[in-house]
Amino acid sequence: MLKFRGKVGYVDGTEESFETGTAALAAYETYALRHGYPVGENMPPTLGAMVMAHHALGIKEGFDVWRDRVAGVELEADGIPPTPEAPSTA
């Protein structure tokens, strides 16, 4: 199972930690598809982390309003399956 944890730093100097699961990743995918951003391996990492943090923290204000108060986001993932090896062509 995928698990994410991270921390949001705000421009006022405060910080909030969060933990979440794949529902936050689905929240990014929904946001991305609505706004024309890529999903999957081409996900913009900072935008993805911010959308996932917004979801995980249960922020009620809109994403664009909230992100104006964010100085940075840290995100770590656990349980990511390894990339399969390419089949041998020999």
C-alpha atoms as a PDB file:
ATOM      1  CA  MET A   1       0.000   0.000   0.000  1.00  0.00           C
ATOM      2  CA  LEU A   2       1.224   3.459  -0.858  1.00  0.00           C
ATOM      3  CA  LYS A   3       1.575   5.887   2.008  1.00  0.00           C
ATOM      4  CA  PHE A   4       2.678   9.485   1.860  1.00  0.00           C
ATOM      5  CA  ARG A   5       3.864  11.808   4.585  1.00  0.00           C
ATOM      6  CA  GLY A   6       5.087  15.326   4.457  1.00  0.00           C
ATOM      7  CA  LYS A   7       5.188  18.802   5.805  1.00  0.00           C
ATOM      8  CA  VAL A   8       3.888  22.148   4.592  1.00  0.00           C
ATOM      9  CA  GLY A   9       5.765  25.320   5.459  1.00  0.00           C
ATOM     10  CA  TYR A  10       3.782  28.537   5.313  1.00  0.00           C
ATOM     11  CA  VAL A  11       5.034  32.031   4.524  1.00  0.00           C
ATOM     12  CA  ASP A  12       4.199  33.066   8.108  1.00  0.00           C
ATOM     13  CA  GLY A  13       6.718  30.504   9.415  1.00  0.00           C
ATOM     14  CA  THR A  14       4.240  27.905  10.685  1.00  0.00           C
ATOM     15  CA  GLU A  15       4.372  24.258   9.614  1.00  0.00           C
ATOM     16  CA  GLU A  16       1.853  21.418   9.353  1.00  0.00           C
ATOM     17  CA  SER A  17       2.673  17.727   9.013  1.00  0.00           C
ATOM     18  CA  PHE A  18       0.440  15.222   7.254  1.00  0.00           C
ATOM     19  CA  GLU A  19       0.094  11.531   6.410  1.00  0.00           C
ATOM     20  CA  THR A  20      -2.155  10.165   3.710  1.00  0.00           C
ATOM     21  CA  GLY A  21      -2.727   7.329   1.270  1.00  0.00           C
ATOM     22  CA  THR A  22      -3.642   6.892  -2.352  1.00  0.00           C
ATOM     23  CA  ALA A  23      -6.755   9.069  -2.042  1.00  0.00           C
ATOM     24  CA  ALA A  24      -4.437  12.092  -2.090  1.00  0.00           C
ATOM     25  CA  LEU A  25      -2.837  10.837  -5.290  1.00  0.00           C
ATOM     26  CA  ALA A  26      -6.302  10.496  -6.802  1.00  0.00           C
ATOM     27  CA  ALA A  27      -7.008  14.085  -5.717  1.00  0.00           C
ATOM     28  CA  TYR A  28      -3.941  15.218  -7.701  1.00  0.00           C
ATOM     29  CA  GLU A  29      -5.017  13.199 -10.737  1.00  0.00           C
ATOM     30  CA  THR A  30      -8.485  14.758 -10.622  1.00  0.00           C
ATOM     31  CA  TYR A  31      -7.009  18.274 -10.287  1.00  0.00           C
ATOM     32  CA  ALA A  32      -4.513  17.597 -13.074  1.00  0.00           C
ATOM     33  CA  LEU A  33      -7.088  16.305 -15.520  1.00  0.00           C
ATOM     34  CA  ARG A  34      -9.375  19.287 -14.847  1.00  0.00           C
ATOM     35  CA  HIS A  35      -6.549  21.738 -15.473  1.00  0.00           C
ATOM     36  CA  GLY A  36      -4.597  20.037 -18.247  1.00  0.00           C
ATOM     37  CA  TYR A  37      -1.570  18.904 -16.223  1.00  0.00           C
ATOM     38  CA  PRO A  38       0.088  15.531 -16.825  1.00  0.00           C
ATOM     39  CA  VAL A  39      -0.517  12.524 -14.579  1.00  0.00           C
ATOM     40  CA  GLY A  40       1.603   9.476 -13.881  1.00  0.00           C
ATOM     41  CA  GLU A  41       5.366   9.629 -14.289  1.00  0.00           C
ATOM     42  CA  ASN A  42       5.170  13.118 -15.829  1.00  0.00           C
ATOM     43  CA  MET A  43       3.418  14.638 -12.802  1.00  0.00           C
ATOM     44  CA  PRO A  44       5.012  17.976 -11.857  1.00  0.00           C
ATOM     45  CA  PRO A  45       6.498  17.037  -8.456  1.00  0.00           C
ATOM     46  CA  THR A  46       5.934  20.313  -6.611  1.00  0.00           C
ATOM     47  CA  LEU A  47       2.384  20.766  -7.863  1.00  0.00           C
ATOM     48  CA  GLY A  48       1.602  17.130  -7.099  1.00  0.00           C
ATOM     49  CA  ALA A  49       2.956  17.447  -3.560  1.00  0.00           C
ATOM     50  CA  MET A  50       0.949  20.629  -2.973  1.00  0.00           C
ATOM     51  CA  VAL A  51      -2.330  19.144  -4.211  1.00  0.00           C
ATOM     52  CA  MET A  52      -1.754  16.013  -2.132  1.00  0.00           C
ATOM     53  CA  ALA A  53      -0.978  18.103   0.976  1.00  0.00           C
ATOM     54  CA  HIS A  54      -4.085  20.259   0.407  1.00  0.00           C
ATOM     55  CA  HIS A  55      -6.182  17.088   0.252  1.00  0.00           C
ATOM     56  CA  ALA A  56      -4.475  15.363   3.200  1.00  0.00           C
ATOM     57  CA  LEU A  57      -4.805  18.375   5.482  1.00  0.00           C
ATOM     58  CA  GLY A  58      -8.502  18.784   4.656  1.00  0.00           C
ATOM     59  CA  ILE A  59      -8.029  22.435   3.682  1.00  0.00           C
ATOM     60  CA  LYS A  60     -11.459  23.948   3.072  1.00  0.00           C
ATOM     61  CA  GLU A  61     -10.352  27.040   1.164  1.00  0.00           C
ATOM     62  CA  GLY A  62      -9.714  26.642  -2.552  1.00  0.00           C
ATOM     63  CA  PHE A  63      -6.359  25.269  -3.658  1.00  0.00           C
ATOM     64  CA  ASP A  64      -5.256  28.415  -5.508  1.00  0.00           C
ATOM     65  CA  VAL A  65      -6.024  30.630  -2.503  1.00  0.00           C
ATOM     66  CA  TRP A  66      -4.278  28.238  -0.086  1.00  0.00           C
ATOM     67  CA  ARG A  67      -1.120  27.811  -2.158  1.00  0.00           C
ATOM     68  CA  ASP A  68      -0.468  31.574  -2.053  1.00  0.00           C
ATOM     69  CA  ARG A  69       0.190  31.076   1.696  1.00  0.00           C
ATOM     70  CA  VAL A  70       2.560  28.096   1.159  1.00  0.00           C
ATOM     71  CA  ALA A  71       6.327  28.608   1.195  1.00  0.00           C
ATOM     72  CA  GLY A  72       7.171  24.965   0.473  1.00  0.00           C
ATOM     73  CA  VAL A  73       6.112  21.333   0.707  1.00  0.00           C
ATOM     74  CA  GLU A  74       8.092  18.202   1.541  1.00  0.00           C
ATOM     75  CA  LEU A  75       6.663  14.838   0.487  1.00  0.00           C
ATOM     76  CA  GLU A  76       7.948  11.304   1.024  1.00  0.00           C
ATOM     77  CA  ALA A  77       6.403   8.075  -0.227  1.00  0.00           C
ATOM     78  CA  ASP A  78       6.546   4.570   1.261  1.00  0.00           C
ATOM     79  CA  GLY A  79       5.522   1.352  -0.411  1.00  0.00           C
ATOM     80  CA  ILE A  80       6.252   2.338  -3.998  1.00  0.00           C
ATOM     81  CA  PRO A  81       6.716  -0.887  -5.943  1.00  0.00           C
ATOM     82  CA  PRO A  82      10.082  -1.215  -7.707  1.00  0.00           C
ATOM     83  CA  THR A  83      10.259  -0.506 -11.412  1.00  0.00           C
ATOM     84  CA  PRO A  84      10.197  -3.828 -13.257  1.00  0.00           C
ATOM     85  CA  GLU A  85      13.298  -4.703 -15.234  1.00  0.00           C
ATOM     86  CA  ALA A  86      13.003  -4.511 -18.991  1.00  0.00           C
ATOM     87  CA  PRO A  87      12.812  -7.885 -20.713  1.00  0.00           C
ATOM     88  CA  SER A  88      16.095  -9.188 -22.023  1.00  0.00           C
ATOM     89  CA  THR A  89      16.646  -8.723 -25.734  1.00  0.00           C
ATOM     90  CA  ALA A  90      19.556 -11.184 -25.856  1.00  0.00           C
END
